Amino acid sequence: MKIWLLDYHPSYNHFRINNMDDYDRLTFNGTPLSEQWKAPEVIFHENGKPSDIMGCHKGALLINQRAKNVFKSTTHSGEIEFLPFEFDGVTYYFMHVLNHVSCIDAENSLIKRLNGSNIISEYTEYAFYEELVKPHHIMRVKFHEGDRVVNYPFVSDHIYDAIINSELKGYQLIEIWDSAFSWQDKQKKFEAMVQQSNLERIKTFNYSTARKYAEKRKITAYSDRWAIKLDDQGRFQLGELLLDGTYSWIYPVFIPPVLLGQVWGIKEPIQSGILNRFVRTIFKNEK
């Protein structure tokens, strides 16, 4: 089984709470609020992309009626409550997760603590006790120390499938735990993929030369988990290797300095005569 972090997508239309009094007042700590609910004032951010999951505030998702229908039909009784608010004559909801679960396997989780203290700031990798998470469709996860909870709702495969197979828009579902494939296993696989990528390079050089290969010869250059290339419109891209073997490509504003000092290379074979003339041209231009 898998556990997924569920969040809104900030590039879609979304809501924000308008004032600090409402921001501080609404804590969503798992105690039911429906009997004393007072809706906050919100601000709507129009990004030109209609959305069904329209924000997250301290672990509570802001959703519309269509999303409410999906979650109401896929969760257990008592796991969530829907707290209404109005905007432009339409009713929306804060989906408050009441189900807080102590289920973290701390020994096998990767934990980050605040500098100079023993306080947990976050879990960078999660491990759960399967028998403790299996009964739940949606939950907030308690820190294994203290009384805090993680500020996002986590969902089961059951809800993941329901969302993926629905027409809902404007969400992110991030896999954070797989009972059959731990983060340690993923790390080992990824390191092996990076090593294999480096071994596949037929020629290596510095970043400056790699950039010229990408821009002048339209060849992808690789360095560890990174790659650079031009897209179909001639725009420069930086890619990061993913666990499935593909790359996630962005249009970088700048290149992180650490990448400038790495060894880069190409995997595509080029006829030696053409390659030698190209390399000579590069070094001539660099003088």
C-alpha atoms as a PDB file:
ATOM      1  CA  MET A   1       0.000   0.000   0.000  1.00  0.00           C
ATOM      2  CA  LYS A   2       0.967   3.641  -0.446  1.00  0.00           C
ATOM      3  CA  ILE A   3       0.344   6.881   1.390  1.00  0.00           C
ATOM      4  CA  TRP A   4      -0.020  10.146  -0.523  1.00  0.00           C
ATOM      5  CA  LEU A   5       0.264  13.781   0.555  1.00  0.00           C
ATOM      6  CA  LEU A   6      -2.678  15.774  -0.803  1.00  0.00           C
ATOM      7  CA  ASP A   7      -2.363  19.507  -1.481  1.00  0.00           C
ATOM      8  CA  TYR A   8      -3.762  22.200  -3.758  1.00  0.00           C
ATOM      9  CA  HIS A   9      -1.797  23.312  -6.823  1.00  0.00           C
ATOM     10  CA  PRO A  10      -0.695  26.965  -6.551  1.00  0.00           C
ATOM     11  CA  SER A  11      -0.705  27.555 -10.309  1.00  0.00           C
ATOM     12  CA  TYR A  12      -4.492  27.053 -10.348  1.00  0.00           C
ATOM     13  CA  ASN A  13      -7.141  29.411  -8.968  1.00  0.00           C
ATOM     14  CA  HIS A  14      -7.055  29.392  -5.182  1.00  0.00           C
ATOM     15  CA  PHE A  15      -8.146  31.135  -1.970  1.00  0.00           C
ATOM     16  CA  ARG A  16      -6.148  32.738   0.814  1.00  0.00           C
ATOM     17  CA  ILE A  17      -7.386  33.890   4.215  1.00  0.00           C
ATOM     18  CA  ASN A  18      -7.687  37.683   4.150  1.00  0.00           C
ATOM     19  CA  ASN A  19      -6.665  38.823   7.649  1.00  0.00           C
ATOM     20  CA  MET A  20      -4.364  37.721  10.447  1.00  0.00           C
ATOM     21  CA  ASP A  21      -7.143  37.418  13.054  1.00  0.00           C
ATOM     22  CA  ASP A  22      -8.850  34.716  10.989  1.00  0.00           C
ATOM     23  CA  TYR A  23      -5.484  33.184  10.115  1.00  0.00           C
ATOM     24  CA  ASP A  24      -4.538  32.753  13.775  1.00  0.00           C
ATOM     25  CA  ARG A  25      -8.038  31.774  14.917  1.00  0.00           C
ATOM     26  CA  LEU A  26      -8.435  28.837  12.559  1.00  0.00           C
ATOM     27  CA  THR A  27      -6.142  26.111  13.875  1.00  0.00           C
ATOM     28  CA  PHE A  28      -7.870  22.932  12.591  1.00  0.00           C
ATOM     29  CA  ASN A  29      -6.416  20.758  15.330  1.00  0.00           C
ATOM     30  CA  GLY A  30      -8.804  17.812  14.949  1.00  0.00           C
ATOM     31  CA  THR A  31     -11.452  19.091  17.365  1.00  0.00           C
ATOM     32  CA  PRO A  32     -14.811  19.401  15.537  1.00  0.00           C
ATOM     33  CA  LEU A  33     -15.668  23.028  14.736  1.00  0.00           C
ATOM     34  CA  SER A  34     -19.072  22.741  13.094  1.00  0.00           C
ATOM     35  CA  GLU A  35     -21.098  23.831  16.133  1.00  0.00           C
ATOM     36  CA  GLN A  36     -19.109  27.039  16.689  1.00  0.00           C
ATOM     37  CA  TRP A  37     -18.004  27.601  13.085  1.00  0.00           C
ATOM     38  CA  LYS A  38     -17.455  31.180  11.974  1.00  0.00           C
ATOM     39  CA  ALA A  39     -16.387  31.456   8.359  1.00  0.00           C
ATOM     40  CA  PRO A  40     -13.317  33.599   7.624  1.00  0.00           C
ATOM     41  CA  GLU A  41     -12.951  36.269   4.985  1.00  0.00           C
ATOM     42  CA  VAL A  42     -10.980  34.995   1.993  1.00  0.00           C
ATOM     43  CA  ILE A  43      -9.190  36.423  -1.029  1.00  0.00           C
ATOM     44  CA  PHE A  44      -9.533  34.774  -4.429  1.00  0.00           C
ATOM     45  CA  HIS A  45      -6.442  34.431  -6.625  1.00  0.00           C
ATOM     46  CA  GLU A  46      -7.386  34.135 -10.295  1.00  0.00           C
ATOM     47  CA  ASN A  47      -4.751  32.276 -12.330  1.00  0.00           C
ATOM     48  CA  GLY A  48      -6.992  31.435 -15.257  1.00  0.00           C
ATOM     49  CA  LYS A  49      -7.186  27.757 -14.288  1.00  0.00           C
ATOM     50  CA  PRO A  50     -10.466  26.637 -12.683  1.00  0.00           C
ATOM     51  CA  SER A  51      -9.845  24.448  -9.641  1.00  0.00           C
ATOM     52  CA  ASP A  52     -11.748  22.166  -7.286  1.00  0.00           C
ATOM     53  CA  ILE A  53      -9.146  22.060  -4.496  1.00  0.00           C
ATOM     54  CA  MET A  54      -8.432  25.714  -3.896  1.00  0.00           C
ATOM     55  CA  GLY A  55      -6.043  26.111  -0.990  1.00  0.00           C
ATOM     56  CA  CYS A  56      -4.656  24.615   2.190  1.00  0.00           C
ATOM     57  CA  HIS A  57      -4.676  26.307   5.601  1.00  0.00           C
ATOM     58  CA  LYS A  58      -3.017  24.525   8.513  1.00  0.00           C
ATOM     59  CA  GLY A  59      -3.939  21.129   7.129  1.00  0.00           C
ATOM     60  CA  ALA A  60      -7.495  21.985   6.020  1.00  0.00           C
ATOM     61  CA  LEU A  61      -8.151  21.987   2.276  1.00  0.00           C
ATOM     62  CA  LEU A  62     -10.382  24.632   0.710  1.00  0.00           C
ATOM     63  CA  ILE A  63     -12.644  22.843  -1.756  1.00  0.00           C
ATOM     64  CA  ASN A  64     -15.777  23.299  -3.859  1.00  0.00           C
ATOM     65  CA  GLN A  65     -18.950  21.224  -3.974  1.00  0.00           C
ATOM     66  CA  ARG A  66     -17.657  18.833  -6.615  1.00  0.00           C
ATOM     67  CA  ALA A  67     -14.611  17.982  -4.506  1.00  0.00           C
ATOM     68  CA  LYS A  68     -16.799  17.656  -1.423  1.00  0.00           C
ATOM     69  CA  ASN A  69     -18.880  15.017  -3.190  1.00  0.00           C
ATOM     70  CA  VAL A  70     -15.762  12.976  -3.985  1.00  0.00           C
ATOM     71  CA  PHE A  71     -14.371  13.091  -0.431  1.00  0.00           C
ATOM     72  CA  LYS A  72     -17.717  12.516   1.243  1.00  0.00           C
ATOM     73  CA  SER A  73     -18.228   9.318  -0.737  1.00  0.00           C
ATOM     74  CA  THR A  74     -14.705   7.936  -0.185  1.00  0.00           C
ATOM     75  CA  THR A  75     -13.906   8.584   3.489  1.00  0.00           C
ATOM     76  CA  HIS A  76     -14.969   6.865   6.685  1.00  0.00           C
ATOM     77  CA  SER A  77     -17.539   8.477   8.949  1.00  0.00           C
ATOM     78  CA  GLY A  78     -15.868  10.832  11.424  1.00  0.00           C
ATOM     79  CA  GLU A  79     -12.637  11.277   9.459  1.00  0.00           C
ATOM     80  CA  ILE A  80     -13.501  14.756   8.157  1.00  0.00           C
ATOM     81  CA  GLU A  81     -15.987  17.600   8.492  1.00  0.00           C
ATOM     82  CA  PHE A  82     -16.973  20.218   5.911  1.00  0.00           C
ATOM     83  CA  LEU A  83     -17.088  23.823   7.129  1.00  0.00           C
ATOM     84  CA  PRO A  84     -18.827  26.184   4.671  1.00  0.00           C
ATOM     85  CA  PHE A  85     -17.898  29.673   3.542  1.00  0.00           C
ATOM     86  CA  GLU A  86     -19.406  31.897   0.862  1.00  0.00           C
ATOM     87  CA  PHE A  87     -17.687  33.680  -1.990  1.00  0.00           C
ATOM     88  CA  ASP A  88     -19.548  35.535  -4.756  1.00  0.00           C
ATOM     89  CA  GLY A  89     -22.750  33.722  -3.856  1.00  0.00           C
ATOM     90  CA  VAL A  90     -21.199  30.251  -4.123  1.00  0.00           C
ATOM     91  CA  THR A  91     -20.646  27.913  -1.174  1.00  0.00           C
ATOM     92  CA  TYR A  92     -17.182  26.433  -0.667  1.00  0.00           C
ATOM     93  CA  TYR A  93     -15.783  24.388   2.231  1.00  0.00           C
ATOM     94  CA  PHE A  94     -12.829  23.962   4.524  1.00  0.00           C
ATOM     95  CA  MET A  95     -12.304  20.201   4.655  1.00  0.00           C
ATOM     96  CA  HIS A  96     -11.146  19.692   8.247  1.00  0.00           C
ATOM     97  CA  VAL A  97      -9.444  16.346   8.862  1.00  0.00           C
ATOM     98  CA  LEU A  98     -10.486  15.126  12.314  1.00  0.00           C
ATOM     99  CA  ASN A  99      -8.521  11.904  12.098  1.00  0.00           C
ATOM    100  CA  HIS A 100      -5.074  12.416  13.699  1.00  0.00           C
ATOM    101  CA  VAL A 101      -2.974   9.263  13.794  1.00  0.00           C
ATOM    102  CA  SER A 102       0.258   8.323  15.600  1.00  0.00           C
ATOM    103  CA  CYS A 103       1.841   6.031  13.034  1.00  0.00           C
ATOM    104  CA  ILE A 104       5.389   7.223  12.251  1.00  0.00           C
ATOM    105  CA  ASP A 105       8.156   4.641  12.349  1.00  0.00           C
ATOM    106  CA  ALA A 106      10.796   7.065  13.637  1.00  0.00           C
ATOM    107  CA  GLU A 107      13.679   4.605  13.420  1.00  0.00           C
ATOM    108  CA  ASN A 108      13.218   4.266   9.662  1.00  0.00           C
ATOM    109  CA  SER A 109      12.185   7.864   8.910  1.00  0.00           C
ATOM    110  CA  LEU A 110      14.592  10.604   7.895  1.00  0.00           C
ATOM    111  CA  ILE A 111      14.208  13.435  10.410  1.00  0.00           C
ATOM    112  CA  LYS A 112      15.428  17.017  10.215  1.00  0.00           C
ATOM    113  CA  ARG A 113      15.901  18.927  13.475  1.00  0.00           C
ATOM    114  CA  LEU A 114      16.284  22.649  14.072  1.00  0.00           C
ATOM    115  CA  ASN A 115      19.873  23.851  14.252  1.00  0.00           C
ATOM    116  CA  GLY A 116      21.222  23.808  17.782  1.00  0.00           C
ATOM    117  CA  SER A 117      18.211  22.005  19.242  1.00  0.00           C
ATOM    118  CA  ASN A 118      16.558  18.613  19.420  1.00  0.00           C
ATOM    119  CA  ILE A 119      13.238  19.913  18.029  1.00  0.00           C
ATOM    120  CA  ILE A 120      11.955  18.218  14.882  1.00  0.00           C
ATOM    121  CA  SER A 121      11.430  20.689  12.058  1.00  0.00           C
ATOM    122  CA  GLU A 122      10.211  18.162   9.487  1.00  0.00           C
ATOM    123  CA  TYR A 123      10.329  14.622   8.194  1.00  0.00           C
ATOM    124  CA  THR A 124      12.239  14.609   4.920  1.00  0.00           C
ATOM    125  CA  GLU A 125      11.423  10.932   4.378  1.00  0.00           C
ATOM    126  CA  TYR A 126       8.581   9.003   5.998  1.00  0.00           C
ATOM    127  CA  ALA A 127       8.243   5.466   7.261  1.00  0.00           C
ATOM    128  CA  PHE A 128       4.947   4.298   8.755  1.00  0.00           C
ATOM    129  CA  TYR A 129       3.742   1.297  10.688  1.00  0.00           C
ATOM    130  CA  GLU A 130       1.528  -0.374   8.113  1.00  0.00           C
ATOM    131  CA  GLU A 131      -0.924  -1.792  10.626  1.00  0.00           C
ATOM    132  CA  LEU A 132      -1.548   1.722  12.001  1.00  0.00           C
ATOM    133  CA  VAL A 133      -2.185   3.482   8.682  1.00  0.00           C
ATOM    134  CA  LYS A 134      -4.048   0.693   6.884  1.00  0.00           C
ATOM    135  CA  PRO A 135      -7.486   1.354   8.482  1.00  0.00           C
ATOM    136  CA  HIS A 136      -7.576   5.023   7.419  1.00  0.00           C
ATOM    137  CA  HIS A 137      -8.617   6.666   4.157  1.00  0.00           C
ATOM    138  CA  ILE A 138      -7.598  10.204   5.144  1.00  0.00           C
ATOM    139  CA  MET A 139      -5.593  11.427   8.138  1.00  0.00           C
ATOM    140  CA  ARG A 140      -3.285  13.986   9.631  1.00  0.00           C
ATOM    141  CA  VAL A 141      -0.095  12.437  10.957  1.00  0.00           C
ATOM    142  CA  LYS A 142       1.183  13.160  14.466  1.00  0.00           C
ATOM    143  CA  PHE A 143       4.862  13.851  15.090  1.00  0.00           C
ATOM    144  CA  HIS A 144       6.378  10.976  17.020  1.00  0.00           C
ATOM    145  CA  GLU A 145       7.639  13.536  19.565  1.00  0.00           C
ATOM    146  CA  GLY A 146       5.553  16.290  21.130  1.00  0.00           C
ATOM    147  CA  ASP A 147       1.966  17.162  20.247  1.00  0.00           C
ATOM    148  CA  ARG A 148       2.294  18.594  16.732  1.00  0.00           C
ATOM    149  CA  VAL A 149       0.808  17.212  13.527  1.00  0.00           C
ATOM    150  CA  VAL A 150       2.059  17.477   9.953  1.00  0.00           C
ATOM    151  CA  ASN A 151       0.363  20.401   8.186  1.00  0.00           C
ATOM    152  CA  TYR A 152      -1.040  18.386   5.268  1.00  0.00           C
ATOM    153  CA  PRO A 153      -3.665  15.685   4.887  1.00  0.00           C
ATOM    154  CA  PHE A 154      -2.431  12.235   3.870  1.00  0.00           C
ATOM    155  CA  VAL A 155      -4.629   9.858   1.878  1.00  0.00           C
ATOM    156  CA  SER A 156      -4.754   6.161   1.048  1.00  0.00           C
ATOM    157  CA  ASP A 157      -4.683   4.421  -2.323  1.00  0.00           C
ATOM    158  CA  HIS A 158      -8.485   4.331  -2.126  1.00  0.00           C
ATOM    159  CA  ILE A 159      -8.782   8.127  -2.214  1.00  0.00           C
ATOM    160  CA  TYR A 160      -5.868   8.463  -4.626  1.00  0.00           C
ATOM    161  CA  ASP A 161      -7.716   6.275  -7.122  1.00  0.00           C
ATOM    162  CA  ALA A 162     -10.956   8.195  -6.583  1.00  0.00           C
ATOM    163  CA  ILE A 163      -9.270  11.548  -7.261  1.00  0.00           C
ATOM    164  CA  ILE A 164      -7.293  10.330 -10.279  1.00  0.00           C
ATOM    165  CA  ASN A 165     -10.418   8.806 -11.810  1.00  0.00           C
ATOM    166  CA  SER A 166     -12.538  11.880 -11.119  1.00  0.00           C
ATOM    167  CA  GLU A 167     -12.608  15.148 -13.035  1.00  0.00           C
ATOM    168  CA  LEU A 168     -11.167  17.147 -10.149  1.00  0.00           C
ATOM    169  CA  LYS A 169      -8.582  19.803 -11.015  1.00  0.00           C
ATOM    170  CA  GLY A 170      -6.032  21.885  -9.148  1.00  0.00           C
ATOM    171  CA  TYR A 171      -4.479  19.321  -6.816  1.00  0.00           C
ATOM    172  CA  GLN A 172      -1.161  17.649  -6.085  1.00  0.00           C
ATOM    173  CA  LEU A 173      -0.830  14.025  -4.979  1.00  0.00           C
ATOM    174  CA  ILE A 174       2.707  13.250  -3.816  1.00  0.00           C
ATOM    175  CA  GLU A 175       3.726   9.710  -2.950  1.00  0.00           C
ATOM    176  CA  ILE A 176       5.453   9.777   0.434  1.00  0.00           C
ATOM    177  CA  TRP A 177       5.478   6.112   1.464  1.00  0.00           C
ATOM    178  CA  ASP A 178       5.251   2.710  -0.157  1.00  0.00           C
ATOM    179  CA  SER A 179       5.037  -0.342   2.076  1.00  0.00           C
ATOM    180  CA  ALA A 180       6.742  -2.452  -0.617  1.00  0.00           C
ATOM    181  CA  PHE A 181       9.468   0.025  -1.608  1.00  0.00           C
ATOM    182  CA  SER A 182      11.043   2.112   1.172  1.00  0.00           C
ATOM    183  CA  TRP A 183      12.762   5.461   0.694  1.00  0.00           C
ATOM    184  CA  GLN A 184      16.050   3.665   1.392  1.00  0.00           C
ATOM    185  CA  ASP A 185      15.309   1.296  -1.509  1.00  0.00           C
ATOM    186  CA  LYS A 186      14.450   4.253  -3.737  1.00  0.00           C
ATOM    187  CA  GLN A 187      17.654   6.015  -2.729  1.00  0.00           C
ATOM    188  CA  LYS A 188      19.750   2.971  -3.658  1.00  0.00           C
ATOM    189  CA  LYS A 189      17.957   2.633  -6.996  1.00  0.00           C
ATOM    190  CA  PHE A 190      18.387   6.329  -7.754  1.00  0.00           C
ATOM    191  CA  GLU A 191      22.094   6.292  -6.913  1.00  0.00           C
ATOM    192  CA  ALA A 192      22.535   3.322  -9.245  1.00  0.00           C
ATOM    193  CA  MET A 193      20.661   5.218 -11.992  1.00  0.00           C
ATOM    194  CA  VAL A 194      22.929   8.258 -11.573  1.00  0.00           C
ATOM    195  CA  GLN A 195      26.032   6.052 -11.695  1.00  0.00           C
ATOM    196  CA  GLN A 196      24.759   4.321 -14.842  1.00  0.00           C
ATOM    197  CA  SER A 197      23.987   7.674 -16.475  1.00  0.00           C
ATOM    198  CA  ASN A 198      27.548   8.829 -15.862  1.00  0.00           C
ATOM    199  CA  LEU A 199      28.966   5.579 -17.261  1.00  0.00           C
ATOM    200  CA  GLU A 200      26.951   6.021 -20.463  1.00  0.00           C
ATOM    201  CA  ARG A 201      28.699   9.286 -21.318  1.00  0.00           C
ATOM    202  CA  ILE A 202      31.036   8.837 -24.280  1.00  0.00           C
ATOM    203  CA  LYS A 203      32.906  12.118 -23.746  1.00  0.00           C
ATOM    204  CA  THR A 204      33.203  14.446 -20.739  1.00  0.00           C
ATOM    205  CA  PHE A 205      34.110  18.103 -20.302  1.00  0.00           C
ATOM    206  CA  ASN A 206      33.314  21.194 -18.219  1.00  0.00           C
ATOM    207  CA  TYR A 207      29.999  23.040 -17.998  1.00  0.00           C
ATOM    208  CA  SER A 208      30.972  25.756 -20.473  1.00  0.00           C
ATOM    209  CA  THR A 209      31.666  23.188 -23.187  1.00  0.00           C
ATOM    210  CA  ALA A 210      28.521  21.229 -22.276  1.00  0.00           C
ATOM    211  CA  ARG A 211      26.439  24.385 -22.667  1.00  0.00           C
ATOM    212  CA  LYS A 212      27.859  24.919 -26.156  1.00  0.00           C
ATOM    213  CA  TYR A 213      27.079  21.333 -27.126  1.00  0.00           C
ATOM    214  CA  ALA A 214      23.509  21.897 -26.003  1.00  0.00           C
ATOM    215  CA  GLU A 215      23.072  25.255 -27.713  1.00  0.00           C
ATOM    216  CA  LYS A 216      25.089  24.839 -30.933  1.00  0.00           C
ATOM    217  CA  ARG A 217      24.723  21.130 -31.636  1.00  0.00           C
ATOM    218  CA  LYS A 218      21.303  20.593 -30.011  1.00  0.00           C
ATOM    219  CA  ILE A 219      22.754  17.694 -27.984  1.00  0.00           C
ATOM    220  CA  THR A 220      21.681  16.861 -24.421  1.00  0.00           C
ATOM    221  CA  ALA A 221      24.529  16.984 -21.884  1.00  0.00           C
ATOM    222  CA  TYR A 222      24.475  15.084 -18.589  1.00  0.00           C
ATOM    223  CA  SER A 223      26.069  15.409 -15.166  1.00  0.00           C
ATOM    224  CA  ASP A 224      25.063  13.097 -12.318  1.00  0.00           C
ATOM    225  CA  ARG A 225      21.309  13.674 -11.804  1.00  0.00           C
ATOM    226  CA  TRP A 226      21.207  16.745 -14.067  1.00  0.00           C
ATOM    227  CA  ALA A 227      20.893  17.372 -17.792  1.00  0.00           C
ATOM    228  CA  ILE A 228      20.766  20.421 -20.071  1.00  0.00           C
ATOM    229  CA  LYS A 229      19.266  20.810 -23.535  1.00  0.00           C
ATOM    230  CA  LEU A 230      17.238  23.062 -25.797  1.00  0.00           C
ATOM    231  CA  ASP A 231      13.513  22.437 -26.259  1.00  0.00           C
ATOM    232  CA  ASP A 232      11.795  22.320 -29.662  1.00  0.00           C
ATOM    233  CA  GLN A 233      11.596  26.123 -29.697  1.00  0.00           C
ATOM    234  CA  GLY A 234      15.281  26.609 -28.917  1.00  0.00           C
ATOM    235  CA  ARG A 235      14.786  27.537 -25.256  1.00  0.00           C
ATOM    236  CA  PHE A 236      17.368  26.383 -22.732  1.00  0.00           C
ATOM    237  CA  GLN A 237      16.229  23.780 -20.191  1.00  0.00           C
ATOM    238  CA  LEU A 238      17.625  22.217 -17.031  1.00  0.00           C
ATOM    239  CA  GLY A 239      16.438  18.694 -16.207  1.00  0.00           C
ATOM    240  CA  GLU A 240      16.519  16.630 -13.023  1.00  0.00           C
ATOM    241  CA  LEU A 241      16.486  12.837 -13.192  1.00  0.00           C
ATOM    242  CA  LEU A 242      13.409  11.131 -11.735  1.00  0.00           C
ATOM    243  CA  LEU A 243      13.098   7.658 -10.294  1.00  0.00           C
ATOM    244  CA  ASP A 244      11.188   6.444 -13.355  1.00  0.00           C
ATOM    245  CA  GLY A 245      14.156   7.300 -15.583  1.00  0.00           C
ATOM    246  CA  THR A 246      12.651  10.430 -17.143  1.00  0.00           C
ATOM    247  CA  TYR A 247      13.704  14.026 -16.488  1.00  0.00           C
ATOM    248  CA  SER A 248      11.720  16.884 -14.992  1.00  0.00           C
ATOM    249  CA  TRP A 249      12.536  19.906 -17.153  1.00  0.00           C
ATOM    250  CA  ILE A 250      12.421  23.590 -16.163  1.00  0.00           C
ATOM    251  CA  TYR A 251      13.457  26.876 -17.759  1.00  0.00           C
ATOM    252  CA  PRO A 252      16.035  28.050 -15.212  1.00  0.00           C
ATOM    253  CA  VAL A 253      16.483  31.687 -14.248  1.00  0.00           C
ATOM    254  CA  PHE A 254      20.042  30.810 -13.243  1.00  0.00           C
ATOM    255  CA  ILE A 255      22.232  27.714 -12.973  1.00  0.00           C
ATOM    256  CA  PRO A 256      23.148  26.735  -9.391  1.00  0.00           C
ATOM    257  CA  PRO A 257      26.889  27.377  -8.949  1.00  0.00           C
ATOM    258  CA  VAL A 258      27.502  23.802  -7.801  1.00  0.00           C
ATOM    259  CA  LEU A 259      26.551  22.545 -11.277  1.00  0.00           C
ATOM    260  CA  LEU A 260      29.128  24.797 -12.932  1.00  0.00           C
ATOM    261  CA  GLY A 261      31.971  22.845 -11.326  1.00  0.00           C
ATOM    262  CA  GLN A 262      30.703  19.366 -12.177  1.00  0.00           C
ATOM    263  CA  VAL A 263      31.863  17.057 -14.935  1.00  0.00           C
ATOM    264  CA  TRP A 264      29.449  16.989 -17.887  1.00  0.00           C
ATOM    265  CA  GLY A 265      29.234  14.748 -20.904  1.00  0.00           C
ATOM    266  CA  ILE A 266      27.235  13.531 -23.891  1.00  0.00           C
ATOM    267  CA  LYS A 267      25.793  10.110 -24.653  1.00  0.00           C
ATOM    268  CA  GLU A 268      25.055  10.536 -28.341  1.00  0.00           C
ATOM    269  CA  PRO A 269      27.737   9.264 -30.757  1.00  0.00           C
ATOM    270  CA  ILE A 270      29.026  11.833 -33.244  1.00  0.00           C
ATOM    271  CA  GLN A 271      31.291  11.175 -36.215  1.00  0.00           C
ATOM    272  CA  SER A 272      34.821  11.786 -35.035  1.00  0.00           C
ATOM    273  CA  GLY A 273      35.696  14.289 -37.771  1.00  0.00           C
ATOM    274  CA  ILE A 274      32.671  16.438 -37.066  1.00  0.00           C
ATOM    275  CA  LEU A 275      33.213  16.104 -33.320  1.00  0.00           C
ATOM    276  CA  ASN A 276      36.874  17.157 -33.540  1.00  0.00           C
ATOM    277  CA  ARG A 277      36.058  20.174 -35.702  1.00  0.00           C
ATOM    278  CA  PHE A 278      33.318  21.184 -33.290  1.00  0.00           C
ATOM    279  CA  VAL A 279      35.576  20.884 -30.235  1.00  0.00           C
ATOM    280  CA  ARG A 280      38.326  22.866 -31.965  1.00  0.00           C
ATOM    281  CA  THR A 281      35.805  25.589 -32.793  1.00  0.00           C
ATOM    282  CA  ILE A 282      34.667  25.728 -29.157  1.00  0.00           C
ATOM    283  CA  PHE A 283      38.176  26.098 -27.761  1.00  0.00           C
ATOM    284  CA  LYS A 284      39.106  28.629 -30.473  1.00  0.00           C
ATOM    285  CA  ASN A 285      36.131  30.768 -29.485  1.00  0.00           C
ATOM    286  CA  GLU A 286      37.009  30.483 -25.796  1.00  0.00           C
ATOM    287  CA  LYS A 287      40.465  31.990 -26.346  1.00  0.00           C
END
